[in-house]
Amino acid sequence: MYEHFFQCPYCWEEISFLLDSSVPQQTYVEDCEVCCNPIEATAKFNNQELTYFEPKEIGQ
C-alpha cells in the first residue's frame, strides 16, 4: 500500500489516502477524513510508482 498526501478539494485540509500500488490504474470514491465530503480519486502507477493522482469533487 502507498500513502499519498494531498489537499481535499472541498476543505483544503491536507489528508491522505492509501492506494494499492499493485493496481496500475484505479478510480474510486472515499470520504475526506476532515469534512466527510466524497472525493473521487484517480491514480495511476507505473512499476508501483505513483505517476498520476487527481482528487476531485463528486459532480464536477
N, C-alpha and C. Protein backbone atom coordinates (compact mmCIF):
# COMPACT_ATOMS: atom_id res chain seq x y z
N MET A 1 0.84 -1.18 0.00
CA MET A 1 0.00 0.00 0.00
C MET A 1 0.89 1.24 0.00
N TYR A 2 0.37 2.27 -0.62
CA TYR A 2 1.10 3.52 -0.79
C TYR A 2 0.25 4.65 -0.18
N GLU A 3 0.79 5.39 0.78
CA GLU A 3 0.05 6.50 1.37
C GLU A 3 0.40 7.78 0.63
N HIS A 4 -0.65 8.42 0.08
CA HIS A 4 -0.46 9.65 -0.68
C HIS A 4 -1.16 10.81 0.02
N PHE A 5 -0.40 11.88 0.29
CA PHE A 5 -0.94 13.07 0.95
C PHE A 5 -1.30 14.11 -0.10
N PHE A 6 -2.44 14.80 0.11
CA PHE A 6 -2.91 15.81 -0.83
C PHE A 6 -3.91 16.71 -0.12
N GLN A 7 -4.32 17.79 -0.79
CA GLN A 7 -5.33 18.70 -0.23
C GLN A 7 -6.72 18.27 -0.68
N CYS A 8 -7.64 18.26 0.28
CA CYS A 8 -9.04 17.96 -0.03
C CYS A 8 -9.58 19.05 -0.95
N PRO A 9 -10.29 18.69 -2.03
CA PRO A 9 -10.85 19.71 -2.93
C PRO A 9 -12.03 20.48 -2.34
N TYR A 10 -12.52 20.08 -1.18
CA TYR A 10 -13.62 20.78 -0.52
C TYR A 10 -13.11 21.73 0.57
N CYS A 11 -12.38 21.18 1.53
CA CYS A 11 -11.99 21.96 2.72
C CYS A 11 -10.53 22.41 2.70
N TRP A 12 -9.76 21.94 1.75
CA TRP A 12 -8.35 22.30 1.54
C TRP A 12 -7.42 21.83 2.65
N GLU A 13 -7.90 20.97 3.54
CA GLU A 13 -7.02 20.39 4.56
C GLU A 13 -6.17 19.29 3.93
N GLU A 14 -4.97 19.09 4.48
CA GLU A 14 -4.12 18.01 3.99
C GLU A 14 -4.63 16.69 4.57
N ILE A 15 -4.89 15.74 3.70
CA ILE A 15 -5.35 14.41 4.10
C ILE A 15 -4.54 13.38 3.32
N SER A 16 -4.79 12.12 3.57
CA SER A 16 -4.10 11.07 2.81
C SER A 16 -5.05 9.93 2.49
N PHE A 17 -4.79 9.28 1.39
CA PHE A 17 -5.48 8.06 1.01
C PHE A 17 -4.44 6.95 0.91
N LEU A 18 -4.83 5.74 1.22
CA LEU A 18 -3.99 4.57 0.99
C LEU A 18 -4.34 4.02 -0.38
N LEU A 19 -3.35 3.89 -1.24
CA LEU A 19 -3.55 3.42 -2.60
C LEU A 19 -2.85 2.08 -2.78
N ASP A 20 -3.44 1.21 -3.57
CA ASP A 20 -2.85 -0.09 -3.87
C ASP A 20 -1.93 0.06 -5.08
N SER A 21 -0.63 0.09 -4.84
CA SER A 21 0.33 0.31 -5.92
C SER A 21 0.46 -0.87 -6.88
N SER A 22 -0.17 -2.00 -6.56
CA SER A 22 -0.13 -3.15 -7.47
C SER A 22 -1.18 -3.06 -8.57
N VAL A 23 -2.10 -2.08 -8.47
CA VAL A 23 -3.14 -1.86 -9.48
C VAL A 23 -2.69 -0.66 -10.33
N PRO A 24 -2.39 -0.88 -11.63
CA PRO A 24 -1.83 0.20 -12.45
C PRO A 24 -2.71 1.43 -12.59
N GLN A 25 -4.02 1.25 -12.70
CA GLN A 25 -4.92 2.39 -12.84
C GLN A 25 -6.16 2.14 -12.01
N GLN A 26 -6.57 3.14 -11.23
CA GLN A 26 -7.72 2.97 -10.35
C GLN A 26 -8.47 4.28 -10.16
N THR A 27 -9.77 4.17 -10.03
CA THR A 27 -10.64 5.30 -9.70
C THR A 27 -11.61 4.81 -8.64
N TYR A 28 -11.71 5.56 -7.57
CA TYR A 28 -12.62 5.17 -6.50
C TYR A 28 -13.07 6.40 -5.73
N VAL A 29 -14.04 6.22 -4.86
CA VAL A 29 -14.59 7.31 -4.05
C VAL A 29 -14.31 7.00 -2.58
N GLU A 30 -13.80 8.02 -1.88
CA GLU A 30 -13.54 7.91 -0.45
C GLU A 30 -13.88 9.26 0.18
N ASP A 31 -14.41 9.24 1.38
CA ASP A 31 -14.77 10.48 2.07
C ASP A 31 -13.54 11.14 2.68
N CYS A 32 -13.53 12.47 2.69
CA CYS A 32 -12.49 13.23 3.37
C CYS A 32 -12.58 12.94 4.86
N GLU A 33 -11.45 12.69 5.50
CA GLU A 33 -11.44 12.40 6.93
C GLU A 33 -11.68 13.63 7.79
N VAL A 34 -11.64 14.83 7.20
CA VAL A 34 -11.86 16.08 7.94
C VAL A 34 -13.29 16.57 7.75
N CYS A 35 -13.73 16.77 6.50
CA CYS A 35 -15.05 17.36 6.25
C CYS A 35 -16.11 16.34 5.81
N CYS A 36 -15.72 15.10 5.60
CA CYS A 36 -16.62 13.97 5.27
C CYS A 36 -17.27 14.06 3.89
N ASN A 37 -16.83 14.97 3.03
CA ASN A 37 -17.36 15.03 1.67
C ASN A 37 -16.71 13.95 0.80
N PRO A 38 -17.45 13.41 -0.18
CA PRO A 38 -16.91 12.34 -1.03
C PRO A 38 -15.94 12.90 -2.08
N ILE A 39 -14.80 12.23 -2.21
CA ILE A 39 -13.77 12.62 -3.17
C ILE A 39 -13.59 11.47 -4.15
N GLU A 40 -13.67 11.78 -5.45
CA GLU A 40 -13.37 10.78 -6.47
C GLU A 40 -11.89 10.90 -6.79
N ALA A 41 -11.14 9.85 -6.54
CA ALA A 41 -9.70 9.86 -6.75
C ALA A 41 -9.34 8.94 -7.90
N THR A 42 -8.51 9.45 -8.81
CA THR A 42 -7.95 8.66 -9.90
C THR A 42 -6.45 8.60 -9.70
N ALA A 43 -5.91 7.39 -9.72
CA ALA A 43 -4.47 7.20 -9.52
C ALA A 43 -3.92 6.27 -10.58
N LYS A 44 -2.70 6.55 -11.01
CA LYS A 44 -2.02 5.68 -11.97
C LYS A 44 -0.62 5.38 -11.43
N PHE A 45 -0.24 4.13 -11.55
CA PHE A 45 1.08 3.67 -11.11
C PHE A 45 1.81 3.05 -12.30
N ASN A 46 3.11 3.25 -12.33
CA ASN A 46 3.97 2.59 -13.30
C ASN A 46 5.11 1.95 -12.51
N ASN A 47 5.22 0.63 -12.58
CA ASN A 47 6.20 -0.12 -11.79
C ASN A 47 6.08 0.23 -10.30
N GLN A 48 4.86 0.29 -9.83
CA GLN A 48 4.49 0.57 -8.44
C GLN A 48 4.93 1.96 -7.97
N GLU A 49 5.19 2.87 -8.90
CA GLU A 49 5.50 4.26 -8.58
C GLU A 49 4.32 5.13 -9.03
N LEU A 50 3.84 5.98 -8.15
CA LEU A 50 2.71 6.84 -8.46
C LEU A 50 3.12 7.85 -9.53
N THR A 51 2.43 7.84 -10.67
CA THR A 51 2.75 8.75 -11.77
C THR A 51 1.66 9.79 -12.00
N TYR A 52 0.46 9.56 -11.45
CA TYR A 52 -0.65 10.49 -11.65
C TYR A 52 -1.62 10.33 -10.49
N PHE A 53 -2.12 11.46 -9.98
CA PHE A 53 -3.14 11.43 -8.94
C PHE A 53 -4.01 12.66 -9.11
N GLU A 54 -5.33 12.45 -9.19
CA GLU A 54 -6.26 13.57 -9.31
C GLU A 54 -7.44 13.36 -8.37
N PRO A 55 -7.56 14.20 -7.35
CA PRO A 55 -8.75 14.17 -6.50
C PRO A 55 -9.73 15.21 -7.00
N LYS A 56 -11.00 14.88 -7.03
CA LYS A 56 -11.98 15.88 -7.45
C LYS A 56 -13.29 15.70 -6.71
N GLU A 57 -14.03 16.80 -6.65
CA GLU A 57 -15.34 16.79 -6.02
C GLU A 57 -16.28 15.93 -6.85
N ILE A 58 -17.20 15.26 -6.21
CA ILE A 58 -18.20 14.48 -6.91
C ILE A 58 -19.16 15.44 -7.61
N GLY A 59 -19.46 15.17 -8.86
CA GLY A 59 -20.37 16.02 -9.62
C GLY A 59 -19.66 17.14 -10.37
N GLN A 60 -18.35 17.18 -10.33
CA GLN A 60 -17.58 18.22 -11.01
C GLN A 60 -16.99 17.67 -12.29
